[in-house]
Amino acid sequence: IRTAARNLLQVHAPVVQEHVKRHL
């Protein structure tokens, strides 16, 4: 489950980074 979560977080990293940036 940890491996699956990490892999999906890598896939979605650009979305996370954009949200963090946009919402300061």
PDB file of all heavy atoms in Angstrom:
ATOM      1  N   ILE A   1       0.836  -1.211   0.000  1.00  0.00           N
ATOM      2  CA  ILE A   1       0.000   0.000   0.000  1.00  0.00           C
ATOM      3  C   ILE A   1       0.870   1.260   0.000  1.00  0.00           C
ATOM      4  O   ILE A   1       0.584   2.227  -0.716  1.00  0.00           O
ATOM      5  CB  ILE A   1      -0.994  -0.034   1.169  1.00  0.00           C
ATOM      6  CG1 ILE A   1      -2.011  -1.166   0.922  1.00  0.00           C
ATOM      7  CG2 ILE A   1      -1.692   1.301   1.355  1.00  0.00           C
ATOM      8  CD1 ILE A   1      -2.845  -1.544   2.108  1.00  0.00           C
ATOM      9  N   ARG A   2       1.944   1.264   0.785  1.00  0.00           N
ATOM     10  CA  ARG A   2       2.863   2.423   0.766  1.00  0.00           C
ATOM     11  C   ARG A   2       3.454   2.635  -0.622  1.00  0.00           C
ATOM     12  O   ARG A   2       3.539   3.755  -1.115  1.00  0.00           O
ATOM     13  CB  ARG A   2       4.001   2.212   1.760  1.00  0.00           C
ATOM     14  CG  ARG A   2       3.668   2.563   3.157  1.00  0.00           C
ATOM     15  CD  ARG A   2       4.954   2.569   3.993  1.00  0.00           C
ATOM     16  NE  ARG A   2       4.616   2.554   5.395  1.00  0.00           N
ATOM     17  CZ  ARG A   2       5.070   1.694   6.279  1.00  0.00           C
ATOM     18  NH1 ARG A   2       5.923   0.759   5.926  1.00  0.00           N
ATOM     19  NH2 ARG A   2       4.702   1.758   7.534  1.00  0.00           N
ATOM     20  N   THR A   3       3.877   1.535  -1.256  1.00  0.00           N
ATOM     21  CA  THR A   3       4.468   1.632  -2.590  1.00  0.00           C
ATOM     22  C   THR A   3       3.442   2.164  -3.586  1.00  0.00           C
ATOM     23  O   THR A   3       3.764   3.042  -4.404  1.00  0.00           O
ATOM     24  CB  THR A   3       5.003   0.259  -3.044  1.00  0.00           C
ATOM     25  OG1 THR A   3       5.989  -0.176  -2.099  1.00  0.00           O
ATOM     26  CG2 THR A   3       5.614   0.317  -4.429  1.00  0.00           C
ATOM     27  N   ALA A   4       2.236   1.655  -3.516  1.00  0.00           N
ATOM     28  CA  ALA A   4       1.181   2.123  -4.420  1.00  0.00           C
ATOM     29  C   ALA A   4       0.907   3.613  -4.197  1.00  0.00           C
ATOM     30  O   ALA A   4       0.781   4.385  -5.157  1.00  0.00           O
ATOM     31  CB  ALA A   4      -0.088   1.307  -4.201  1.00  0.00           C
ATOM     32  N   ALA A   5       0.843   4.034  -2.937  1.00  0.00           N
ATOM     33  CA  ALA A   5       0.591   5.447  -2.638  1.00  0.00           C
ATOM     34  C   ALA A   5       1.723   6.326  -3.158  1.00  0.00           C
ATOM     35  O   ALA A   5       1.491   7.367  -3.783  1.00  0.00           O
ATOM     36  CB  ALA A   5       0.408   5.641  -1.136  1.00  0.00           C
ATOM     37  N   ARG A   6       2.963   5.913  -2.920  1.00  0.00           N
ATOM     38  CA  ARG A   6       4.113   6.698  -3.402  1.00  0.00           C
ATOM     39  C   ARG A   6       4.109   6.809  -4.921  1.00  0.00           C
ATOM     40  O   ARG A   6       4.386   7.878  -5.479  1.00  0.00           O
ATOM     41  CB  ARG A   6       5.420   6.074  -2.926  1.00  0.00           C
ATOM     42  CG  ARG A   6       5.701   6.320  -1.476  1.00  0.00           C
ATOM     43  CD  ARG A   6       7.088   5.789  -1.088  1.00  0.00           C
ATOM     44  NE  ARG A   6       7.231   5.792   0.352  1.00  0.00           N
ATOM     45  CZ  ARG A   6       7.439   4.723   1.102  1.00  0.00           C
ATOM     46  NH1 ARG A   6       7.545   3.531   0.543  1.00  0.00           N
ATOM     47  NH2 ARG A   6       7.551   4.816   2.398  1.00  0.00           N
ATOM     48  N   ASN A   7       3.818   5.711  -5.600  1.00  0.00           N
ATOM     49  CA  ASN A   7       3.783   5.742  -7.064  1.00  0.00           C
ATOM     50  C   ASN A   7       2.701   6.691  -7.572  1.00  0.00           C
ATOM     51  O   ASN A   7       2.933   7.455  -8.512  1.00  0.00           O
ATOM     52  CB  ASN A   7       3.577   4.337  -7.622  1.00  0.00           C
ATOM     53  CG  ASN A   7       4.802   3.459  -7.446  1.00  0.00           C
ATOM     54  OD1 ASN A   7       5.910   3.948  -7.226  1.00  0.00           O
ATOM     55  ND2 ASN A   7       4.607   2.155  -7.507  1.00  0.00           N
ATOM     56  N   LEU A   8       1.538   6.656  -6.964  1.00  0.00           N
ATOM     57  CA  LEU A   8       0.468   7.564  -7.384  1.00  0.00           C
ATOM     58  C   LEU A   8       0.789   9.017  -7.047  1.00  0.00           C
ATOM     59  O   LEU A   8       0.475   9.930  -7.810  1.00  0.00           O
ATOM     60  CB  LEU A   8      -0.864   7.150  -6.749  1.00  0.00           C
ATOM     61  CG  LEU A   8      -1.494   5.912  -7.383  1.00  0.00           C
ATOM     62  CD1 LEU A   8      -2.684   5.429  -6.556  1.00  0.00           C
ATOM     63  CD2 LEU A   8      -1.919   6.211  -8.813  1.00  0.00           C
ATOM     64  N   LEU A   9       1.451   9.241  -5.906  1.00  0.00           N
ATOM     65  CA  LEU A   9       1.851  10.604  -5.565  1.00  0.00           C
ATOM     66  C   LEU A   9       2.873  11.141  -6.562  1.00  0.00           C
ATOM     67  O   LEU A   9       2.854  12.334  -6.893  1.00  0.00           O
ATOM     68  CB  LEU A   9       2.386  10.670  -4.133  1.00  0.00           C
ATOM     69  CG  LEU A   9       1.306  10.526  -3.057  1.00  0.00           C
ATOM     70  CD1 LEU A   9       1.945  10.350  -1.693  1.00  0.00           C
ATOM     71  CD2 LEU A   9       0.352  11.711  -3.073  1.00  0.00           C
ATOM     72  N   GLN A  10       3.753  10.282  -7.056  1.00  0.00           N
ATOM     73  CA  GLN A  10       4.695  10.707  -8.104  1.00  0.00           C
ATOM     74  C   GLN A  10       3.956  11.104  -9.372  1.00  0.00           C
ATOM     75  O   GLN A  10       4.266  12.111  -9.989  1.00  0.00           O
ATOM     76  CB  GLN A  10       5.677   9.583  -8.435  1.00  0.00           C
ATOM     77  CG  GLN A  10       6.939   9.627  -7.644  1.00  0.00           C
ATOM     78  CD  GLN A  10       7.944   8.600  -8.170  1.00  0.00           C
ATOM     79  OE1 GLN A  10       7.579   7.517  -8.636  1.00  0.00           O
ATOM     80  NE2 GLN A  10       9.199   8.951  -8.090  1.00  0.00           N
ATOM     81  N   VAL A  11       2.970  10.303  -9.743  1.00  0.00           N
ATOM     82  CA  VAL A  11       2.181  10.599 -10.939  1.00  0.00           C
ATOM     83  C   VAL A  11       1.486  11.948 -10.806  1.00  0.00           C
ATOM     84  O   VAL A  11       1.429  12.746 -11.745  1.00  0.00           O
ATOM     85  CB  VAL A  11       1.146   9.475 -11.204  1.00  0.00           C
ATOM     86  CG1 VAL A  11       0.122   9.888 -12.247  1.00  0.00           C
ATOM     87  CG2 VAL A  11       1.852   8.190 -11.608  1.00  0.00           C
ATOM     88  N   HIS A  12       0.965  12.226  -9.625  1.00  0.00           N
ATOM     89  CA  HIS A  12       0.183  13.441  -9.404  1.00  0.00           C
ATOM     90  C   HIS A  12       1.000  14.597  -8.816  1.00  0.00           C
ATOM     91  O   HIS A  12       0.441  15.623  -8.447  1.00  0.00           O
ATOM     92  CB  HIS A  12      -1.009  13.134  -8.493  1.00  0.00           C
ATOM     93  CG  HIS A  12      -1.978  12.170  -9.105  1.00  0.00           C
ATOM     94  ND1 HIS A  12      -2.750  12.479 -10.205  1.00  0.00           N
ATOM     95  CD2 HIS A  12      -2.270  10.881  -8.790  1.00  0.00           C
ATOM     96  CE1 HIS A  12      -3.486  11.440 -10.534  1.00  0.00           C
ATOM     97  NE2 HIS A  12      -3.218  10.447  -9.690  1.00  0.00           N
ATOM     98  N   ALA A  13       2.310  14.451  -8.734  1.00  0.00           N
ATOM     99  CA  ALA A  13       3.166  15.490  -8.146  1.00  0.00           C
ATOM    100  C   ALA A  13       2.961  16.863  -8.781  1.00  0.00           C
ATOM    101  O   ALA A  13       2.905  17.867  -8.059  1.00  0.00           O
ATOM    102  CB  ALA A  13       4.631  15.071  -8.213  1.00  0.00           C
ATOM    103  N   PRO A  14       2.816  16.968 -10.104  1.00  0.00           N
ATOM    104  CA  PRO A  14       2.596  18.308 -10.676  1.00  0.00           C
ATOM    105  C   PRO A  14       1.312  18.979 -10.153  1.00  0.00           C
ATOM    106  O   PRO A  14       1.294  20.183  -9.932  1.00  0.00           O
ATOM    107  CB  PRO A  14       2.501  18.041 -12.182  1.00  0.00           C
ATOM    108  CG  PRO A  14       3.281  16.776 -12.392  1.00  0.00           C
ATOM    109  CD  PRO A  14       3.007  15.960 -11.145  1.00  0.00           C
ATOM    110  N   VAL A  15       0.280  18.197  -9.922  1.00  0.00           N
ATOM    111  CA  VAL A  15      -0.973  18.746  -9.391  1.00  0.00           C
ATOM    112  C   VAL A  15      -0.757  19.253  -7.971  1.00  0.00           C
ATOM    113  O   VAL A  15      -1.203  20.342  -7.606  1.00  0.00           O
ATOM    114  CB  VAL A  15      -2.095  17.681  -9.423  1.00  0.00           C
ATOM    115  CG1 VAL A  15      -3.349  18.178  -8.720  1.00  0.00           C
ATOM    116  CG2 VAL A  15      -2.398  17.274 -10.851  1.00  0.00           C
ATOM    117  N   VAL A  16      -0.067  18.466  -7.161  1.00  0.00           N
ATOM    118  CA  VAL A  16       0.217  18.859  -5.774  1.00  0.00           C
ATOM    119  C   VAL A  16       1.039  20.138  -5.765  1.00  0.00           C
ATOM    120  O   VAL A  16       0.716  21.100  -5.055  1.00  0.00           O
ATOM    121  CB  VAL A  16       0.947  17.729  -5.007  1.00  0.00           C
ATOM    122  CG1 VAL A  16       1.436  18.216  -3.653  1.00  0.00           C
ATOM    123  CG2 VAL A  16       0.032  16.518  -4.857  1.00  0.00           C
ATOM    124  N   GLN A  17       2.103  20.169  -6.550  1.00  0.00           N
ATOM    125  CA  GLN A  17       2.978  21.349  -6.591  1.00  0.00           C
ATOM    126  C   GLN A  17       2.225  22.589  -7.040  1.00  0.00           C
ATOM    127  O   GLN A  17       2.407  23.676  -6.486  1.00  0.00           O
ATOM    128  CB  GLN A  17       4.184  21.092  -7.507  1.00  0.00           C
ATOM    129  CG  GLN A  17       5.140  20.055  -6.991  1.00  0.00           C
ATOM    130  CD  GLN A  17       5.813  20.458  -5.690  1.00  0.00           C
ATOM    131  OE1 GLN A  17       6.038  21.623  -5.417  1.00  0.00           O
ATOM    132  NE2 GLN A  17       6.120  19.482  -4.862  1.00  0.00           N
ATOM    133  N   GLU A  18       1.384  22.452  -8.036  1.00  0.00           N
ATOM    134  CA  GLU A  18       0.611  23.601  -8.527  1.00  0.00           C
ATOM    135  C   GLU A  18      -0.355  24.103  -7.461  1.00  0.00           C
ATOM    136  O   GLU A  18      -0.509  25.305  -7.262  1.00  0.00           O
ATOM    137  CB  GLU A  18      -0.146  23.228  -9.813  1.00  0.00           C
ATOM    138  CG  GLU A  18      -1.006  24.350 -10.367  1.00  0.00           C
ATOM    139  CD  GLU A  18      -0.241  25.623 -10.707  1.00  0.00           C
ATOM    140  OE1 GLU A  18       0.954  25.555 -11.053  1.00  0.00           O
ATOM    141  OE2 GLU A  18      -0.847  26.710 -10.628  1.00  0.00           O
ATOM    142  N   HIS A  19      -1.016  23.193  -6.766  1.00  0.00           N
ATOM    143  CA  HIS A  19      -1.940  23.596  -5.703  1.00  0.00           C
ATOM    144  C   HIS A  19      -1.195  24.317  -4.584  1.00  0.00           C
ATOM    145  O   HIS A  19      -1.648  25.359  -4.108  1.00  0.00           O
ATOM    146  CB  HIS A  19      -2.683  22.386  -5.143  1.00  0.00           C
ATOM    147  CG  HIS A  19      -3.675  22.754  -4.080  1.00  0.00           C
ATOM    148  ND1 HIS A  19      -4.962  23.134  -4.383  1.00  0.00           N
ATOM    149  CD2 HIS A  19      -3.557  22.846  -2.735  1.00  0.00           C
ATOM    150  CE1 HIS A  19      -5.600  23.429  -3.262  1.00  0.00           C
ATOM    151  NE2 HIS A  19      -4.759  23.264  -2.248  1.00  0.00           N
ATOM    152  N   VAL A  20      -0.067  23.767  -4.169  1.00  0.00           N
ATOM    153  CA  VAL A  20       0.733  24.379  -3.114  1.00  0.00           C
ATOM    154  C   VAL A  20       1.149  25.789  -3.522  1.00  0.00           C
ATOM    155  O   VAL A  20       1.028  26.738  -2.762  1.00  0.00           O
ATOM    156  CB  VAL A  20       1.966  23.499  -2.788  1.00  0.00           C
ATOM    157  CG1 VAL A  20       2.984  24.252  -1.949  1.00  0.00           C
ATOM    158  CG2 VAL A  20       1.521  22.222  -2.071  1.00  0.00           C
ATOM    159  N   LYS A  21       1.607  25.914  -4.757  1.00  0.00           N
ATOM    160  CA  LYS A  21       2.044  27.226  -5.265  1.00  0.00           C
ATOM    161  C   LYS A  21       0.872  28.206  -5.361  1.00  0.00           C
ATOM    162  O   LYS A  21       0.961  29.341  -4.903  1.00  0.00           O
ATOM    163  CB  LYS A  21       2.690  27.031  -6.641  1.00  0.00           C
ATOM    164  CG  LYS A  21       3.202  28.291  -7.272  1.00  0.00           C
ATOM    165  CD  LYS A  21       3.836  27.972  -8.616  1.00  0.00           C
ATOM    166  CE  LYS A  21       4.175  29.221  -9.380  1.00  0.00           C
ATOM    167  NZ  LYS A  21       4.683  28.910 -10.723  1.00  0.00           N
ATOM    168  N   ARG A  22      -0.224  27.763  -5.947  1.00  0.00           N
ATOM    169  CA  ARG A  22      -1.384  28.634  -6.175  1.00  0.00           C
ATOM    170  C   ARG A  22      -2.010  29.090  -4.858  1.00  0.00           C
ATOM    171  O   ARG A  22      -2.477  30.210  -4.746  1.00  0.00           O
ATOM    172  CB  ARG A  22      -2.411  27.891  -7.040  1.00  0.00           C
ATOM    173  CG  ARG A  22      -3.571  28.759  -7.484  1.00  0.00           C
ATOM    174  CD  ARG A  22      -4.524  28.071  -8.454  1.00  0.00           C
ATOM    175  NE  ARG A  22      -5.041  26.822  -7.953  1.00  0.00           N
ATOM    176  CZ  ARG A  22      -4.821  25.631  -8.500  1.00  0.00           C
ATOM    177  NH1 ARG A  22      -4.073  25.509  -9.561  1.00  0.00           N
ATOM    178  NH2 ARG A  22      -5.343  24.540  -7.984  1.00  0.00           N
ATOM    179  N   HIS A  23      -1.999  28.218  -3.848  1.00  0.00           N
ATOM    180  CA  HIS A  23      -2.645  28.540  -2.577  1.00  0.00           C
ATOM    181  C   HIS A  23      -1.655  28.975  -1.500  1.00  0.00           C
ATOM    182  O   HIS A  23      -2.016  29.067  -0.329  1.00  0.00           O
ATOM    183  CB  HIS A  23      -3.484  27.354  -2.098  1.00  0.00           C
ATOM    184  CG  HIS A  23      -4.642  27.081  -3.004  1.00  0.00           C
ATOM    185  ND1 HIS A  23      -5.839  27.749  -2.896  1.00  0.00           N
ATOM    186  CD2 HIS A  23      -4.779  26.230  -4.050  1.00  0.00           C
ATOM    187  CE1 HIS A  23      -6.660  27.320  -3.829  1.00  0.00           C
ATOM    188  NE2 HIS A  23      -6.045  26.401  -4.540  1.00  0.00           N
ATOM    189  N   LEU A  24      -0.410  29.244  -1.927  1.00  0.00           N
ATOM    190  CA  LEU A  24       0.626  29.725  -1.016  1.00  0.00           C
ATOM    191  C   LEU A  24       0.729  28.853   0.232  1.00  0.00           C
ATOM    192  O   LEU A  24       0.692  29.337   1.360  1.00  0.00           O
ATOM    193  CB  LEU A  24       0.370  31.189  -0.633  1.00  0.00           C
ATOM    194  CG  LEU A  24       0.314  32.172  -1.797  1.00  0.00           C
ATOM    195  CD1 LEU A  24      -0.128  33.543  -1.307  1.00  0.00           C
ATOM    196  CD2 LEU A  24       1.644  32.247  -2.522  1.00  0.00           C
TER     197      LEU A  24
END
